[in-house]
N, C-alpha and C. Protein backbone atom coordinates (compact mmCIF):
# COMPACT_ATOMS: atom_id res chain seq x y z
N MET A 1 -50.03 97.84 -54.65
CA MET A 1 -48.90 96.96 -54.40
C MET A 1 -48.04 97.57 -53.29
N HIS A 2 -47.66 96.75 -52.34
CA HIS A 2 -46.83 97.19 -51.23
C HIS A 2 -45.44 96.60 -51.39
N ILE A 3 -44.44 97.47 -51.39
CA ILE A 3 -43.04 97.02 -51.50
C ILE A 3 -42.43 97.00 -50.11
N LYS A 4 -41.92 95.84 -49.71
CA LYS A 4 -41.32 95.70 -48.40
C LYS A 4 -39.93 96.33 -48.39
N ARG A 5 -39.68 97.16 -47.40
CA ARG A 5 -38.37 97.78 -47.23
C ARG A 5 -37.45 96.82 -46.50
N VAL A 6 -36.29 96.58 -47.05
CA VAL A 6 -35.31 95.67 -46.46
C VAL A 6 -34.31 96.50 -45.66
N GLU A 7 -34.17 96.21 -44.39
CA GLU A 7 -33.19 96.93 -43.58
C GLU A 7 -31.79 96.52 -43.97
N ARG A 8 -30.87 97.47 -43.91
CA ARG A 8 -29.47 97.22 -44.27
C ARG A 8 -28.63 97.33 -43.01
N HIS A 9 -27.81 96.32 -42.76
CA HIS A 9 -26.96 96.31 -41.57
C HIS A 9 -25.47 96.27 -41.91
N GLY A 10 -25.16 96.26 -43.20
CA GLY A 10 -23.77 96.22 -43.63
C GLY A 10 -23.56 97.19 -44.78
N VAL A 11 -22.31 97.57 -44.99
CA VAL A 11 -21.99 98.46 -46.09
C VAL A 11 -20.60 98.11 -46.63
N SER A 12 -20.49 98.14 -47.94
CA SER A 12 -19.21 97.96 -48.60
C SER A 12 -18.78 99.34 -49.09
N VAL A 13 -17.56 99.75 -48.73
CA VAL A 13 -17.04 101.05 -49.15
C VAL A 13 -15.87 100.78 -50.09
N MET A 14 -15.89 101.43 -51.25
CA MET A 14 -14.89 101.15 -52.28
C MET A 14 -14.31 102.43 -52.87
N LEU A 15 -13.03 102.39 -53.18
CA LEU A 15 -12.40 103.40 -54.02
C LEU A 15 -12.11 102.69 -55.33
N ILE A 16 -12.77 103.14 -56.39
CA ILE A 16 -12.70 102.45 -57.68
C ILE A 16 -11.89 103.29 -58.66
N ALA A 17 -10.87 102.67 -59.26
CA ALA A 17 -10.05 103.34 -60.27
C ALA A 17 -10.38 102.71 -61.62
N THR A 18 -10.67 103.56 -62.61
CA THR A 18 -10.95 103.10 -63.96
C THR A 18 -10.03 103.84 -64.90
N SER A 19 -9.23 103.08 -65.66
CA SER A 19 -8.29 103.67 -66.61
C SER A 19 -8.67 103.19 -68.00
N GLU A 20 -8.93 104.17 -68.89
CA GLU A 20 -9.38 103.81 -70.23
C GLU A 20 -8.98 104.89 -71.22
N GLU A 21 -8.31 104.50 -72.28
CA GLU A 21 -7.93 105.40 -73.37
C GLU A 21 -7.22 106.67 -72.88
N GLY A 22 -6.28 106.50 -71.95
CA GLY A 22 -5.50 107.63 -71.46
C GLY A 22 -6.22 108.50 -70.46
N GLN A 23 -7.35 108.04 -69.96
CA GLN A 23 -8.15 108.78 -68.99
C GLN A 23 -8.19 107.97 -67.69
N ILE A 24 -8.00 108.61 -66.55
CA ILE A 24 -8.09 107.93 -65.26
C ILE A 24 -9.25 108.55 -64.49
N ARG A 25 -10.00 107.69 -63.86
CA ARG A 25 -11.17 108.14 -63.09
C ARG A 25 -11.18 107.39 -61.76
N TYR A 26 -11.38 108.14 -60.69
CA TYR A 26 -11.51 107.55 -59.35
C TYR A 26 -12.88 107.93 -58.81
N GLU A 27 -13.53 106.97 -58.23
CA GLU A 27 -14.80 107.26 -57.56
C GLU A 27 -14.88 106.50 -56.25
N VAL A 28 -15.58 107.09 -55.30
CA VAL A 28 -15.86 106.42 -54.05
C VAL A 28 -17.29 105.90 -54.17
N ALA A 29 -17.51 104.69 -53.67
CA ALA A 29 -18.84 104.10 -53.73
C ALA A 29 -19.16 103.42 -52.41
N VAL A 30 -20.42 103.47 -52.04
CA VAL A 30 -20.91 102.74 -50.88
C VAL A 30 -22.11 101.91 -51.33
N SER A 31 -22.16 100.68 -50.87
CA SER A 31 -23.25 99.78 -51.20
C SER A 31 -23.76 99.15 -49.91
N PHE A 32 -24.96 99.52 -49.53
CA PHE A 32 -25.56 98.98 -48.30
C PHE A 32 -26.19 97.63 -48.60
N PHE A 33 -26.05 96.68 -47.68
CA PHE A 33 -26.63 95.35 -47.88
C PHE A 33 -27.22 94.84 -46.57
N PRO A 34 -28.15 93.86 -46.65
CA PRO A 34 -28.89 93.42 -45.46
C PRO A 34 -28.03 92.88 -44.31
N HIS A 35 -27.09 91.99 -44.59
CA HIS A 35 -26.24 91.36 -43.56
C HIS A 35 -27.08 90.89 -42.37
N VAL A 36 -27.92 89.89 -42.62
CA VAL A 36 -28.82 89.37 -41.58
C VAL A 36 -28.16 88.32 -40.68
N SER A 37 -26.99 87.83 -41.08
CA SER A 37 -26.25 86.87 -40.25
C SER A 37 -24.75 87.07 -40.49
N ASP A 38 -23.94 86.43 -39.66
CA ASP A 38 -22.48 86.57 -39.81
C ASP A 38 -21.97 86.02 -41.14
N GLU A 39 -22.73 85.14 -41.78
CA GLU A 39 -22.32 84.54 -43.05
C GLU A 39 -22.92 85.27 -44.26
N ASP A 40 -23.81 86.21 -44.02
CA ASP A 40 -24.53 86.88 -45.10
C ASP A 40 -23.78 88.11 -45.59
N TYR A 41 -23.22 88.00 -46.78
CA TYR A 41 -22.54 89.14 -47.42
C TYR A 41 -23.14 89.38 -48.80
N ALA A 42 -24.40 89.00 -48.98
CA ALA A 42 -25.08 89.19 -50.27
C ALA A 42 -25.24 90.68 -50.54
N ILE A 43 -24.68 91.11 -51.64
CA ILE A 43 -24.73 92.53 -52.00
C ILE A 43 -26.02 92.80 -52.77
N SER A 44 -26.72 93.83 -52.38
CA SER A 44 -27.92 94.27 -53.10
C SER A 44 -27.55 95.54 -53.85
N TYR A 45 -27.94 95.60 -55.10
CA TYR A 45 -27.50 96.70 -55.95
C TYR A 45 -28.46 97.88 -55.99
N ASP A 46 -29.52 97.81 -55.21
CA ASP A 46 -30.48 98.92 -55.19
C ASP A 46 -30.11 99.98 -54.17
N ALA A 47 -29.12 99.73 -53.35
CA ALA A 47 -28.69 100.70 -52.34
C ALA A 47 -27.22 101.05 -52.58
N TYR A 48 -26.91 101.45 -53.80
CA TYR A 48 -25.55 101.76 -54.25
C TYR A 48 -25.47 103.24 -54.56
N PHE A 49 -24.46 103.91 -54.01
CA PHE A 49 -24.29 105.34 -54.21
C PHE A 49 -22.82 105.62 -54.50
N SER A 50 -22.55 106.52 -55.43
CA SER A 50 -21.15 106.80 -55.77
C SER A 50 -20.96 108.27 -56.13
N LYS A 51 -19.69 108.67 -56.08
CA LYS A 51 -19.32 110.04 -56.41
C LYS A 51 -17.94 110.01 -57.06
N VAL A 52 -17.81 110.70 -58.19
CA VAL A 52 -16.52 110.80 -58.86
C VAL A 52 -15.65 111.79 -58.10
N LEU A 53 -14.45 111.34 -57.75
CA LEU A 53 -13.51 112.19 -57.01
C LEU A 53 -12.47 112.83 -57.93
N PHE A 54 -12.14 112.15 -59.02
CA PHE A 54 -11.10 112.62 -59.93
C PHE A 54 -11.36 112.01 -61.30
N ASP A 55 -11.27 112.83 -62.35
CA ASP A 55 -11.47 112.34 -63.72
C ASP A 55 -10.67 113.25 -64.65
N ALA A 56 -9.57 112.72 -65.18
CA ALA A 56 -8.71 113.54 -66.03
C ALA A 56 -7.82 112.65 -66.90
N LYS A 57 -7.16 113.27 -67.86
CA LYS A 57 -6.18 112.53 -68.66
C LYS A 57 -5.02 112.13 -67.76
N GLY A 58 -4.48 110.98 -68.01
CA GLY A 58 -3.34 110.52 -67.22
C GLY A 58 -3.45 109.04 -66.92
N ARG A 59 -2.72 108.63 -65.91
CA ARG A 59 -2.71 107.23 -65.51
C ARG A 59 -2.74 107.13 -64.00
N ARG A 60 -2.83 105.90 -63.50
CA ARG A 60 -2.88 105.70 -62.06
C ARG A 60 -1.62 106.24 -61.40
N SER A 61 -1.81 106.78 -60.20
CA SER A 61 -0.70 107.35 -59.45
C SER A 61 -0.82 106.93 -57.99
N LYS A 62 0.24 106.32 -57.46
CA LYS A 62 0.22 105.91 -56.05
C LYS A 62 0.03 107.12 -55.13
N LYS A 63 0.67 108.22 -55.48
CA LYS A 63 0.56 109.44 -54.67
C LYS A 63 -0.89 109.94 -54.67
N ARG A 64 -1.52 110.00 -55.83
CA ARG A 64 -2.91 110.45 -55.92
C ARG A 64 -3.83 109.49 -55.18
N GLU A 65 -3.60 108.19 -55.34
CA GLU A 65 -4.44 107.20 -54.65
C GLU A 65 -4.32 107.33 -53.14
N GLN A 66 -3.12 107.61 -52.64
CA GLN A 66 -2.93 107.80 -51.21
C GLN A 66 -3.72 109.02 -50.74
N GLN A 67 -3.67 110.11 -51.51
CA GLN A 67 -4.43 111.32 -51.15
C GLN A 67 -5.93 111.04 -51.14
N LEU A 68 -6.41 110.28 -52.12
CA LEU A 68 -7.83 109.95 -52.19
C LEU A 68 -8.24 109.03 -51.05
N MET A 69 -7.36 108.11 -50.67
CA MET A 69 -7.66 107.22 -49.54
C MET A 69 -7.82 108.02 -48.25
N GLU A 70 -7.06 109.11 -48.14
CA GLU A 70 -7.15 109.94 -46.93
C GLU A 70 -8.47 110.69 -46.83
N THR A 71 -9.11 110.96 -47.96
CA THR A 71 -10.40 111.66 -47.95
C THR A 71 -11.59 110.73 -48.18
N MET A 72 -11.31 109.45 -48.47
CA MET A 72 -12.38 108.51 -48.81
C MET A 72 -13.40 108.36 -47.70
N GLN A 73 -12.97 108.27 -46.45
CA GLN A 73 -13.90 108.07 -45.34
C GLN A 73 -14.89 109.24 -45.26
N GLN A 74 -14.38 110.45 -45.38
CA GLN A 74 -15.24 111.64 -45.33
C GLN A 74 -16.24 111.63 -46.49
N GLU A 75 -15.76 111.29 -47.69
CA GLU A 75 -16.64 111.24 -48.86
C GLU A 75 -17.69 110.14 -48.72
N ALA A 76 -17.28 108.97 -48.21
CA ALA A 76 -18.22 107.87 -48.01
C ALA A 76 -19.27 108.23 -46.96
N ASP A 77 -18.84 108.89 -45.89
CA ASP A 77 -19.80 109.33 -44.87
C ASP A 77 -20.82 110.30 -45.46
N SER A 78 -20.38 111.17 -46.35
CA SER A 78 -21.27 112.13 -46.99
C SER A 78 -22.30 111.40 -47.87
N LEU A 79 -21.85 110.42 -48.63
CA LEU A 79 -22.77 109.62 -49.45
C LEU A 79 -23.77 108.88 -48.58
N ALA A 80 -23.29 108.30 -47.49
CA ALA A 80 -24.16 107.55 -46.59
C ALA A 80 -25.22 108.47 -45.99
N LYS A 81 -24.81 109.66 -45.58
CA LYS A 81 -25.74 110.61 -44.97
C LYS A 81 -26.83 111.00 -45.97
N GLU A 82 -26.45 111.24 -47.22
CA GLU A 82 -27.43 111.57 -48.26
C GLU A 82 -28.45 110.44 -48.46
N ALA A 83 -28.04 109.20 -48.19
CA ALA A 83 -28.92 108.04 -48.34
C ALA A 83 -29.60 107.66 -47.02
N ASN A 84 -29.51 108.56 -46.04
CA ASN A 84 -30.07 108.30 -44.70
C ASN A 84 -29.44 107.07 -44.04
N GLY A 85 -28.15 106.87 -44.27
CA GLY A 85 -27.42 105.76 -43.69
C GLY A 85 -26.26 106.26 -42.85
N LYS A 86 -25.59 105.31 -42.21
CA LYS A 86 -24.42 105.63 -41.38
C LYS A 86 -23.43 104.49 -41.51
N ILE A 87 -22.16 104.84 -41.57
CA ILE A 87 -21.09 103.85 -41.63
C ILE A 87 -20.40 103.82 -40.28
N TYR A 88 -20.34 102.64 -39.69
CA TYR A 88 -19.66 102.46 -38.40
C TYR A 88 -18.24 101.97 -38.67
N TRP A 89 -17.34 102.90 -38.86
CA TRP A 89 -15.96 102.60 -39.22
C TRP A 89 -15.25 101.79 -38.13
N ASP A 90 -15.66 101.95 -36.89
CA ASP A 90 -15.01 101.26 -35.77
C ASP A 90 -15.54 99.83 -35.58
N ARG A 91 -16.48 99.39 -36.45
CA ARG A 91 -17.03 98.04 -36.35
C ARG A 91 -17.03 97.34 -37.71
N PRO A 92 -15.85 97.14 -38.31
CA PRO A 92 -15.81 96.52 -39.63
C PRO A 92 -16.26 95.06 -39.58
N LEU A 93 -16.93 94.62 -40.65
CA LEU A 93 -17.37 93.23 -40.76
C LEU A 93 -16.21 92.33 -41.17
N ILE A 94 -15.28 92.89 -41.98
CA ILE A 94 -14.08 92.16 -42.41
C ILE A 94 -12.91 93.15 -42.43
N GLU A 95 -11.71 92.62 -42.60
CA GLU A 95 -10.52 93.46 -42.73
C GLU A 95 -10.57 94.23 -44.05
N ALA A 96 -10.03 95.42 -44.07
CA ALA A 96 -9.94 96.21 -45.30
C ALA A 96 -9.04 95.49 -46.30
N ARG A 97 -9.42 95.56 -47.57
CA ARG A 97 -8.63 94.93 -48.63
C ARG A 97 -8.26 95.97 -49.67
N ARG A 98 -7.06 95.80 -50.21
CA ARG A 98 -6.60 96.65 -51.31
C ARG A 98 -6.24 95.75 -52.47
N GLY A 99 -6.70 96.15 -53.64
CA GLY A 99 -6.45 95.29 -54.79
C GLY A 99 -5.62 95.93 -55.84
């Protein structure tokens, strides 16, 4: 059986905060997707990579989130490199969003 490799031309970079039972966890994640046209933003979940940046008792902190945002690009680049990928920060597909 031959599995066709799908080229990825887009990447979603995320800083994810999870707060549960007095524990806060932040992770950076990158998800590469095909992006074969300007309208194609279909996310594929087989090219998803993440790294926990912070995991401790406590709650969300704007100060901590700002510090993590400052290192997120470096961490995302490291994840991309490990996956033999590259993030072109100077060519975003959409505007950055914060939720």
